[in-house]
């Protein structure tokens, strides 16, 4: 079932889901750890497109969240509109379909920024 405000492409992705009412982004890591990042705390998002893989870096005043994968342009657009409810790397049991234009996340890392002196 697709909730109001979602499109079919987002609903079927194993890597992210849209939510037009999201106040925060839930980031799920492969080790089971997750964190909520309020959209108001994201200072900027840096998107680096590549043919093999793309990289999205979300920056706050205390942390950097690095998302690596393929076809991340739609995910970037969802973040721009504050419409992404959660993100996570694709489970190993899924395989990327070369003809599929869905966002495909292969890795997510969260780094705490060091205080500048």
C-alpha atoms as a PDB file:
ATOM      1  CA  UNK A   1       0.000   0.000   0.000  1.00  0.00           C
ATOM      2  CA  UNK A   2       1.296   3.455  -0.904  1.00  0.00           C
ATOM      3  CA  UNK A   3       0.582   6.247   1.547  1.00  0.00           C
ATOM      4  CA  UNK A   4      -0.536   9.682   0.420  1.00  0.00           C
ATOM      5  CA  UNK A   5       2.446  11.753  -0.693  1.00  0.00           C
ATOM      6  CA  UNK A   6       4.522   8.796  -1.873  1.00  0.00           C
ATOM      7  CA  UNK A   7       5.108   7.613  -5.382  1.00  0.00           C
ATOM      8  CA  UNK A   8       5.449   3.987  -6.424  1.00  0.00           C
ATOM      9  CA  UNK A   9       9.203   4.268  -7.145  1.00  0.00           C
ATOM     10  CA  UNK A  10       9.980   5.337  -3.624  1.00  0.00           C
ATOM     11  CA  UNK A  11       7.764   2.737  -1.996  1.00  0.00           C
ATOM     12  CA  UNK A  12       9.499  -0.201  -3.653  1.00  0.00           C
ATOM     13  CA  UNK A  13      13.072   0.878  -2.868  1.00  0.00           C
ATOM     14  CA  UNK A  14      14.876  -1.206  -0.241  1.00  0.00           C
ATOM     15  CA  UNK A  15      17.141   1.802   0.451  1.00  0.00           C
ATOM     16  CA  UNK A  16      14.845   4.722   1.267  1.00  0.00           C
ATOM     17  CA  UNK A  17      11.285   5.802   1.652  1.00  0.00           C
ATOM     18  CA  UNK A  18       9.627   9.119   1.069  1.00  0.00           C
ATOM     19  CA  UNK A  19       7.526  10.776   3.738  1.00  0.00           C
ATOM     20  CA  UNK A  20       6.109  14.234   3.035  1.00  0.00           C
ATOM     21  CA  UNK A  21       5.547  14.805   6.770  1.00  0.00           C
ATOM     22  CA  UNK A  22       9.039  13.833   7.925  1.00  0.00           C
ATOM     23  CA  UNK A  23      10.577  16.182  10.466  1.00  0.00           C
ATOM     24  CA  UNK A  24      13.755  14.115  10.724  1.00  0.00           C
ATOM     25  CA  UNK A  25      15.753  11.672   8.649  1.00  0.00           C
ATOM     26  CA  UNK A  26      16.186   8.180  10.137  1.00  0.00           C
ATOM     27  CA  UNK A  27      19.592   6.750   9.175  1.00  0.00           C
ATOM     28  CA  UNK A  28      19.909   2.979   9.615  1.00  0.00           C
ATOM     29  CA  UNK A  29      23.358   1.357   9.619  1.00  0.00           C
ATOM     30  CA  UNK A  30      24.135  -2.279   8.808  1.00  0.00           C
ATOM     31  CA  UNK A  31      25.178  -3.005  12.403  1.00  0.00           C
ATOM     32  CA  UNK A  32      21.641  -2.253  13.608  1.00  0.00           C
ATOM     33  CA  UNK A  33      22.497   1.220  14.905  1.00  0.00           C
ATOM     34  CA  UNK A  34      20.221   4.018  13.787  1.00  0.00           C
ATOM     35  CA  UNK A  35      19.955   7.727  14.420  1.00  0.00           C
ATOM     36  CA  UNK A  36      17.458  10.473  13.776  1.00  0.00           C
ATOM     37  CA  UNK A  37      18.740  13.660  12.201  1.00  0.00           C
ATOM     38  CA  UNK A  38      16.281  16.563  12.397  1.00  0.00           C
ATOM     39  CA  UNK A  39      16.053  18.290   9.031  1.00  0.00           C
ATOM     40  CA  UNK A  40      16.612  21.586  10.849  1.00  0.00           C
ATOM     41  CA  UNK A  41      20.118  20.371  11.869  1.00  0.00           C
ATOM     42  CA  UNK A  42      21.300  19.575   8.330  1.00  0.00           C
ATOM     43  CA  UNK A  43      23.482  22.508   7.285  1.00  0.00           C
ATOM     44  CA  UNK A  44      24.010  21.398   3.682  1.00  0.00           C
ATOM     45  CA  UNK A  45      24.117  18.375   1.393  1.00  0.00           C
ATOM     46  CA  UNK A  46      26.994  17.796  -1.005  1.00  0.00           C
ATOM     47  CA  UNK A  47      26.243  15.537  -4.001  1.00  0.00           C
ATOM     48  CA  UNK A  48      29.036  14.063  -6.102  1.00  0.00           C
ATOM     49  CA  UNK A  49      27.812  12.228  -9.189  1.00  0.00           C
ATOM     50  CA  UNK A  50      29.915   9.426 -10.646  1.00  0.00           C
ATOM     51  CA  UNK A  51      29.331   6.835 -13.348  1.00  0.00           C
ATOM     52  CA  UNK A  52      30.325   3.911 -11.084  1.00  0.00           C
ATOM     53  CA  UNK A  53      28.881   5.353  -7.907  1.00  0.00           C
ATOM     54  CA  UNK A  54      27.634   8.602  -6.468  1.00  0.00           C
ATOM     55  CA  UNK A  55      28.139  10.110  -3.038  1.00  0.00           C
ATOM     56  CA  UNK A  56      25.851  12.244  -0.889  1.00  0.00           C
ATOM     57  CA  UNK A  57      27.308  13.906   2.197  1.00  0.00           C
ATOM     58  CA  UNK A  58      24.936  15.436   4.730  1.00  0.00           C
ATOM     59  CA  UNK A  59      26.670  17.935   6.977  1.00  0.00           C
ATOM     60  CA  UNK A  60      25.538  19.204  10.345  1.00  0.00           C
ATOM     61  CA  UNK A  61      27.481  21.171  12.928  1.00  0.00           C
ATOM     62  CA  UNK A  62      28.539  17.951  14.710  1.00  0.00           C
ATOM     63  CA  UNK A  63      28.405  15.063  12.202  1.00  0.00           C
ATOM     64  CA  UNK A  64      28.850  14.046   8.596  1.00  0.00           C
ATOM     65  CA  UNK A  65      26.704  11.322   7.064  1.00  0.00           C
ATOM     66  CA  UNK A  66      28.183   9.813   3.917  1.00  0.00           C
ATOM     67  CA  UNK A  67      25.885   7.848   1.609  1.00  0.00           C
ATOM     68  CA  UNK A  68      27.448   5.935  -1.295  1.00  0.00           C
ATOM     69  CA  UNK A  69      25.538   4.187  -4.059  1.00  0.00           C
ATOM     70  CA  UNK A  70      24.035   4.486  -7.528  1.00  0.00           C
ATOM     71  CA  UNK A  71      21.273   6.703  -8.889  1.00  0.00           C
ATOM     72  CA  UNK A  72      21.270   8.950  -5.825  1.00  0.00           C
ATOM     73  CA  UNK A  73      19.839  11.936  -7.717  1.00  0.00           C
ATOM     74  CA  UNK A  74      16.255  11.103  -6.707  1.00  0.00           C
ATOM     75  CA  UNK A  75      17.348  10.772  -3.107  1.00  0.00           C
ATOM     76  CA  UNK A  76      19.023  14.180  -3.294  1.00  0.00           C
ATOM     77  CA  UNK A  77      15.805  15.669  -4.695  1.00  0.00           C
ATOM     78  CA  UNK A  78      13.802  14.093  -1.867  1.00  0.00           C
ATOM     79  CA  UNK A  79      16.195  15.563   0.703  1.00  0.00           C
ATOM     80  CA  UNK A  80      15.882  18.969  -0.961  1.00  0.00           C
ATOM     81  CA  UNK A  81      12.118  18.833  -0.378  1.00  0.00           C
ATOM     82  CA  UNK A  82      12.468  17.377   3.180  1.00  0.00           C
ATOM     83  CA  UNK A  83      10.579  14.294   1.985  1.00  0.00           C
ATOM     84  CA  UNK A  84      12.832  11.392   2.960  1.00  0.00           C
ATOM     85  CA  UNK A  85      11.714   9.428   6.017  1.00  0.00           C
ATOM     86  CA  UNK A  86      14.582   6.936   6.229  1.00  0.00           C
ATOM     87  CA  UNK A  87      17.670   5.642   4.412  1.00  0.00           C
ATOM     88  CA  UNK A  88      19.654   2.426   4.728  1.00  0.00           C
ATOM     89  CA  UNK A  89      22.097   0.391   2.665  1.00  0.00           C
ATOM     90  CA  UNK A  90      20.518  -2.300   0.507  1.00  0.00           C
ATOM     91  CA  UNK A  91      20.531  -5.702   2.183  1.00  0.00           C
ATOM     92  CA  UNK A  92      23.020  -8.158   0.675  1.00  0.00           C
ATOM     93  CA  UNK A  93      20.165 -10.359  -0.604  1.00  0.00           C
ATOM     94  CA  UNK A  94      19.144  -7.640  -3.081  1.00  0.00           C
ATOM     95  CA  UNK A  95      20.922  -7.225  -6.386  1.00  0.00           C
ATOM     96  CA  UNK A  96      21.098  -4.024  -8.394  1.00  0.00           C
ATOM     97  CA  UNK A  97      19.151  -4.225 -11.625  1.00  0.00           C
ATOM     98  CA  UNK A  98      21.216  -2.328 -14.209  1.00  0.00           C
ATOM     99  CA  UNK A  99      18.023  -1.141 -15.934  1.00  0.00           C
ATOM    100  CA  UNK A 100      16.483   0.125 -12.704  1.00  0.00           C
ATOM    101  CA  UNK A 101      16.697   3.863 -12.011  1.00  0.00           C
ATOM    102  CA  UNK A 102      15.959   3.499  -8.292  1.00  0.00           C
ATOM    103  CA  UNK A 103      18.407   4.888  -5.765  1.00  0.00           C
ATOM    104  CA  UNK A 104      20.697   2.100  -4.609  1.00  0.00           C
ATOM    105  CA  UNK A 105      22.661   2.670  -1.398  1.00  0.00           C
ATOM    106  CA  UNK A 106      25.683   0.442  -0.873  1.00  0.00           C
ATOM    107  CA  UNK A 107      27.228   2.120   2.181  1.00  0.00           C
ATOM    108  CA  UNK A 108      26.387   4.648   4.885  1.00  0.00           C
ATOM    109  CA  UNK A 109      28.882   5.996   7.404  1.00  0.00           C
ATOM    110  CA  UNK A 110      28.422   8.537  10.173  1.00  0.00           C
ATOM    111  CA  UNK A 111      31.433  10.492  11.398  1.00  0.00           C
ATOM    112  CA  UNK A 112      31.579  12.821  14.343  1.00  0.00           C
ATOM    113  CA  UNK A 113      33.350  16.046  13.416  1.00  0.00           C
ATOM    114  CA  UNK A 114      36.329  17.074  15.456  1.00  0.00           C
ATOM    115  CA  UNK A 115      36.098  20.384  17.274  1.00  0.00           C
ATOM    116  CA  UNK A 116      38.246  23.058  15.666  1.00  0.00           C
ATOM    117  CA  UNK A 117      40.601  24.957  17.922  1.00  0.00           C
END
